[in-house]
Structure formats: C-alpha cells, structure tokens
C-alpha cells in the first residue's frame, strides 16, 4: 500500500483492517466505511468509491502505523 496507494478497493482495505484487528464497518446509508481500532479510541472514515483516492490510503497507513499491530 505504501509503494502504490492507487487502485485500491474497499475489499482490500477490509482485508488489511482484519489483519490489524481494526473494525471496518460498512455503511448503513451512503458510501463511507467506518474504521475503528480495538480500543475504540481512534476512528477513520473512508469513502468506498472505486478506486479509493490515494489520500485515503495514506491516511489508512498512518492510522495502522500509529497503533495497530498485525496479528
């Protein structure tokens, strides 16, 4: 993801989140997925447009690096 933040899909994001123990909740309305760390203290919102814009992938990488560890 770091090497190429382009052309990622929400399914890829959900897979990465599961590996890091981050909850990835699909939208009830609209198109924004809600990501939350295990403790529930940090959150990140990612729109599920295809493909996801690189800025959101970069935010996800930062979100994962600042607290979650892969399982």
N, C-alpha and C. Protein backbone atom coordinates (compact mmCIF):
# COMPACT_ATOMS: atom_id res chain seq x y z
N UNK A 1 0.83 -1.19 0.00
CA UNK A 1 0.00 0.00 0.00
C UNK A 1 0.87 1.26 0.00
N UNK A 2 1.97 1.20 0.76
CA UNK A 2 2.86 2.36 0.81
C UNK A 2 3.49 2.64 -0.55
N UNK A 3 3.88 1.58 -1.24
CA UNK A 3 4.57 1.73 -2.52
C UNK A 3 3.63 2.24 -3.61
N UNK A 4 2.37 1.81 -3.56
CA UNK A 4 1.42 2.21 -4.59
C UNK A 4 0.05 2.46 -3.96
N UNK A 5 -0.24 3.70 -3.54
CA UNK A 5 -1.52 3.99 -2.89
C UNK A 5 -2.69 4.14 -3.87
N UNK A 6 -2.49 3.81 -5.13
CA UNK A 6 -3.54 3.94 -6.14
C UNK A 6 -4.21 2.60 -6.41
N UNK A 7 -5.44 2.67 -6.90
CA UNK A 7 -6.19 1.50 -7.38
C UNK A 7 -6.52 0.48 -6.30
N UNK A 8 -6.75 0.92 -5.08
CA UNK A 8 -7.17 0.02 -4.01
C UNK A 8 -8.69 0.04 -3.93
N UNK A 9 -9.25 -1.09 -3.54
CA UNK A 9 -10.70 -1.20 -3.40
C UNK A 9 -11.04 -1.40 -1.92
N UNK A 10 -12.28 -1.18 -1.57
CA UNK A 10 -12.69 -1.28 -0.17
C UNK A 10 -12.52 -2.71 0.35
N UNK A 11 -12.62 -3.70 -0.52
CA UNK A 11 -12.41 -5.09 -0.10
C UNK A 11 -10.97 -5.29 0.36
N UNK A 12 -10.03 -4.64 -0.33
CA UNK A 12 -8.62 -4.71 0.07
C UNK A 12 -8.41 -4.04 1.43
N UNK A 13 -9.06 -2.90 1.62
CA UNK A 13 -8.96 -2.18 2.89
C UNK A 13 -9.51 -3.04 4.02
N UNK A 14 -10.65 -3.69 3.80
CA UNK A 14 -11.25 -4.54 4.82
C UNK A 14 -10.33 -5.71 5.19
N UNK A 15 -9.65 -6.27 4.21
CA UNK A 15 -8.71 -7.37 4.46
C UNK A 15 -7.54 -6.91 5.32
N UNK A 16 -6.98 -5.77 4.99
CA UNK A 16 -5.86 -5.22 5.76
C UNK A 16 -6.31 -4.89 7.18
N UNK A 17 -7.48 -4.30 7.30
CA UNK A 17 -8.01 -3.96 8.64
C UNK A 17 -8.19 -5.21 9.49
N UNK A 18 -8.70 -6.27 8.90
CA UNK A 18 -8.89 -7.52 9.65
C UNK A 18 -7.55 -8.05 10.15
N UNK A 19 -6.50 -7.94 9.34
CA UNK A 19 -5.18 -8.42 9.74
C UNK A 19 -4.62 -7.62 10.90
N UNK A 20 -5.01 -6.34 11.01
CA UNK A 20 -4.51 -5.48 12.07
C UNK A 20 -5.48 -5.37 13.25
N UNK A 21 -6.59 -6.10 13.21
CA UNK A 21 -7.55 -6.06 14.30
C UNK A 21 -8.36 -4.78 14.35
N UNK A 22 -8.51 -4.13 13.21
CA UNK A 22 -9.28 -2.90 13.12
C UNK A 22 -10.66 -3.24 12.58
N UNK A 23 -11.70 -2.72 13.21
CA UNK A 23 -13.06 -2.96 12.77
C UNK A 23 -13.37 -2.09 11.56
N UNK A 24 -13.90 -2.71 10.52
CA UNK A 24 -14.27 -2.00 9.29
C UNK A 24 -15.76 -2.19 9.09
N UNK A 25 -16.54 -1.17 9.45
CA UNK A 25 -17.99 -1.25 9.40
C UNK A 25 -18.52 -0.68 8.10
N UNK A 26 -19.30 -1.49 7.35
CA UNK A 26 -19.87 -0.97 6.10
C UNK A 26 -20.95 0.08 6.39
N UNK A 27 -21.21 0.91 5.41
CA UNK A 27 -22.20 1.98 5.63
C UNK A 27 -23.62 1.44 5.71
N UNK A 28 -24.42 2.06 6.57
CA UNK A 28 -25.84 1.75 6.59
C UNK A 28 -26.55 2.59 5.54
N UNK A 29 -26.09 3.82 5.40
CA UNK A 29 -26.56 4.73 4.36
C UNK A 29 -25.31 5.35 3.75
N UNK A 30 -25.38 5.75 2.54
CA UNK A 30 -24.24 6.42 1.93
C UNK A 30 -23.16 5.45 1.50
N UNK A 31 -21.91 5.93 1.45
CA UNK A 31 -20.83 5.11 0.92
C UNK A 31 -19.56 5.16 1.75
N UNK A 32 -19.64 5.59 3.00
CA UNK A 32 -18.45 5.73 3.82
C UNK A 32 -18.34 4.59 4.84
N UNK A 33 -17.20 3.90 4.79
CA UNK A 33 -16.91 2.86 5.76
C UNK A 33 -16.27 3.51 6.99
N UNK A 34 -16.56 2.94 8.15
CA UNK A 34 -16.03 3.46 9.40
C UNK A 34 -15.02 2.46 9.95
N UNK A 35 -13.81 2.94 10.19
CA UNK A 35 -12.76 2.10 10.76
C UNK A 35 -12.51 2.53 12.19
N UNK A 36 -12.32 1.54 13.06
CA UNK A 36 -12.14 1.84 14.47
C UNK A 36 -11.13 0.86 15.04
N UNK A 37 -10.20 1.37 15.86
CA UNK A 37 -9.21 0.48 16.47
C UNK A 37 -9.88 -0.36 17.55
N UNK A 38 -9.14 -1.36 18.06
CA UNK A 38 -9.71 -2.29 19.03
C UNK A 38 -10.24 -1.60 20.28
N UNK A 39 -9.54 -0.58 20.75
CA UNK A 39 -9.97 0.12 21.95
C UNK A 39 -11.13 1.07 21.66
N UNK A 40 -11.34 1.39 20.41
CA UNK A 40 -12.43 2.28 20.04
C UNK A 40 -12.11 3.75 20.23
N UNK A 41 -10.84 4.06 20.46
CA UNK A 41 -10.45 5.45 20.70
C UNK A 41 -10.18 6.22 19.42
N UNK A 42 -9.69 5.52 18.39
CA UNK A 42 -9.36 6.20 17.14
C UNK A 42 -10.29 5.72 16.05
N UNK A 43 -10.68 6.65 15.18
CA UNK A 43 -11.58 6.32 14.08
C UNK A 43 -11.09 6.95 12.80
N UNK A 44 -11.48 6.33 11.70
CA UNK A 44 -11.15 6.84 10.38
C UNK A 44 -12.33 6.52 9.46
N UNK A 45 -12.70 7.47 8.64
CA UNK A 45 -13.80 7.31 7.69
C UNK A 45 -13.19 7.25 6.29
N UNK A 46 -13.58 6.23 5.52
CA UNK A 46 -13.08 6.08 4.15
C UNK A 46 -14.26 5.90 3.20
N UNK A 47 -14.35 6.74 2.17
CA UNK A 47 -15.41 6.54 1.18
C UNK A 47 -15.09 5.33 0.30
N UNK A 48 -16.11 4.59 -0.07
CA UNK A 48 -15.92 3.36 -0.82
C UNK A 48 -16.01 3.56 -2.32
N UNK A 49 -15.69 4.73 -2.81
CA UNK A 49 -15.71 4.96 -4.25
C UNK A 49 -14.61 4.12 -4.88
N UNK A 50 -14.82 3.70 -6.12
CA UNK A 50 -13.84 2.85 -6.78
C UNK A 50 -13.10 3.64 -7.83
N UNK A 51 -11.81 3.65 -7.85
CA UNK A 51 -10.93 3.21 -6.77
C UNK A 51 -10.89 4.26 -5.66
N UNK A 52 -10.39 3.85 -4.51
CA UNK A 52 -10.28 4.77 -3.37
C UNK A 52 -9.14 5.74 -3.67
N UNK A 53 -9.36 7.00 -3.40
CA UNK A 53 -8.34 8.01 -3.66
C UNK A 53 -7.10 7.74 -2.80
N UNK A 54 -5.91 8.00 -3.37
CA UNK A 54 -4.66 7.73 -2.66
C UNK A 54 -4.56 8.42 -1.30
N UNK A 55 -5.15 9.59 -1.14
CA UNK A 55 -5.06 10.29 0.14
C UNK A 55 -5.69 9.46 1.26
N UNK A 56 -6.76 8.72 0.97
CA UNK A 56 -7.40 7.89 1.99
C UNK A 56 -6.55 6.66 2.31
N UNK A 57 -5.85 6.13 1.33
CA UNK A 57 -4.96 5.00 1.58
C UNK A 57 -3.80 5.47 2.46
N UNK A 58 -3.28 6.66 2.18
CA UNK A 58 -2.20 7.21 3.01
C UNK A 58 -2.67 7.43 4.45
N UNK A 59 -3.90 7.91 4.62
CA UNK A 59 -4.46 8.08 5.96
C UNK A 59 -4.61 6.73 6.66
N UNK A 60 -5.01 5.72 5.91
CA UNK A 60 -5.15 4.37 6.47
C UNK A 60 -3.80 3.84 6.93
N UNK A 61 -2.77 4.03 6.13
CA UNK A 61 -1.43 3.57 6.51
C UNK A 61 -0.99 4.25 7.80
N UNK A 62 -1.20 5.54 7.90
CA UNK A 62 -0.85 6.27 9.12
C UNK A 62 -1.66 5.76 10.31
N UNK A 63 -2.95 5.52 10.10
CA UNK A 63 -3.84 5.01 11.14
C UNK A 63 -3.33 3.67 11.65
N UNK A 64 -2.93 2.79 10.75
CA UNK A 64 -2.45 1.46 11.14
C UNK A 64 -1.09 1.53 11.82
N UNK A 65 -0.22 2.42 11.37
CA UNK A 65 1.11 2.51 11.94
C UNK A 65 1.11 3.10 13.34
N UNK A 66 0.14 3.91 13.67
CA UNK A 66 0.17 4.61 14.96
C UNK A 66 -0.49 3.83 16.09
N UNK A 67 -0.85 2.58 15.86
CA UNK A 67 -1.44 1.91 16.99
C UNK A 67 -1.67 0.44 16.83
N UNK A 68 -1.99 -0.01 15.65
CA UNK A 68 -2.33 -1.42 15.47
C UNK A 68 -1.11 -2.23 15.10
N UNK A 69 -1.10 -3.49 15.50
CA UNK A 69 -0.05 -4.43 15.14
C UNK A 69 -0.69 -5.59 14.40
N UNK A 70 -0.06 -6.09 13.33
CA UNK A 70 -0.66 -7.21 12.60
C UNK A 70 -0.73 -8.44 13.47
N UNK A 71 -1.79 -9.21 13.29
CA UNK A 71 -2.00 -10.44 14.08
C UNK A 71 -1.42 -11.63 13.37
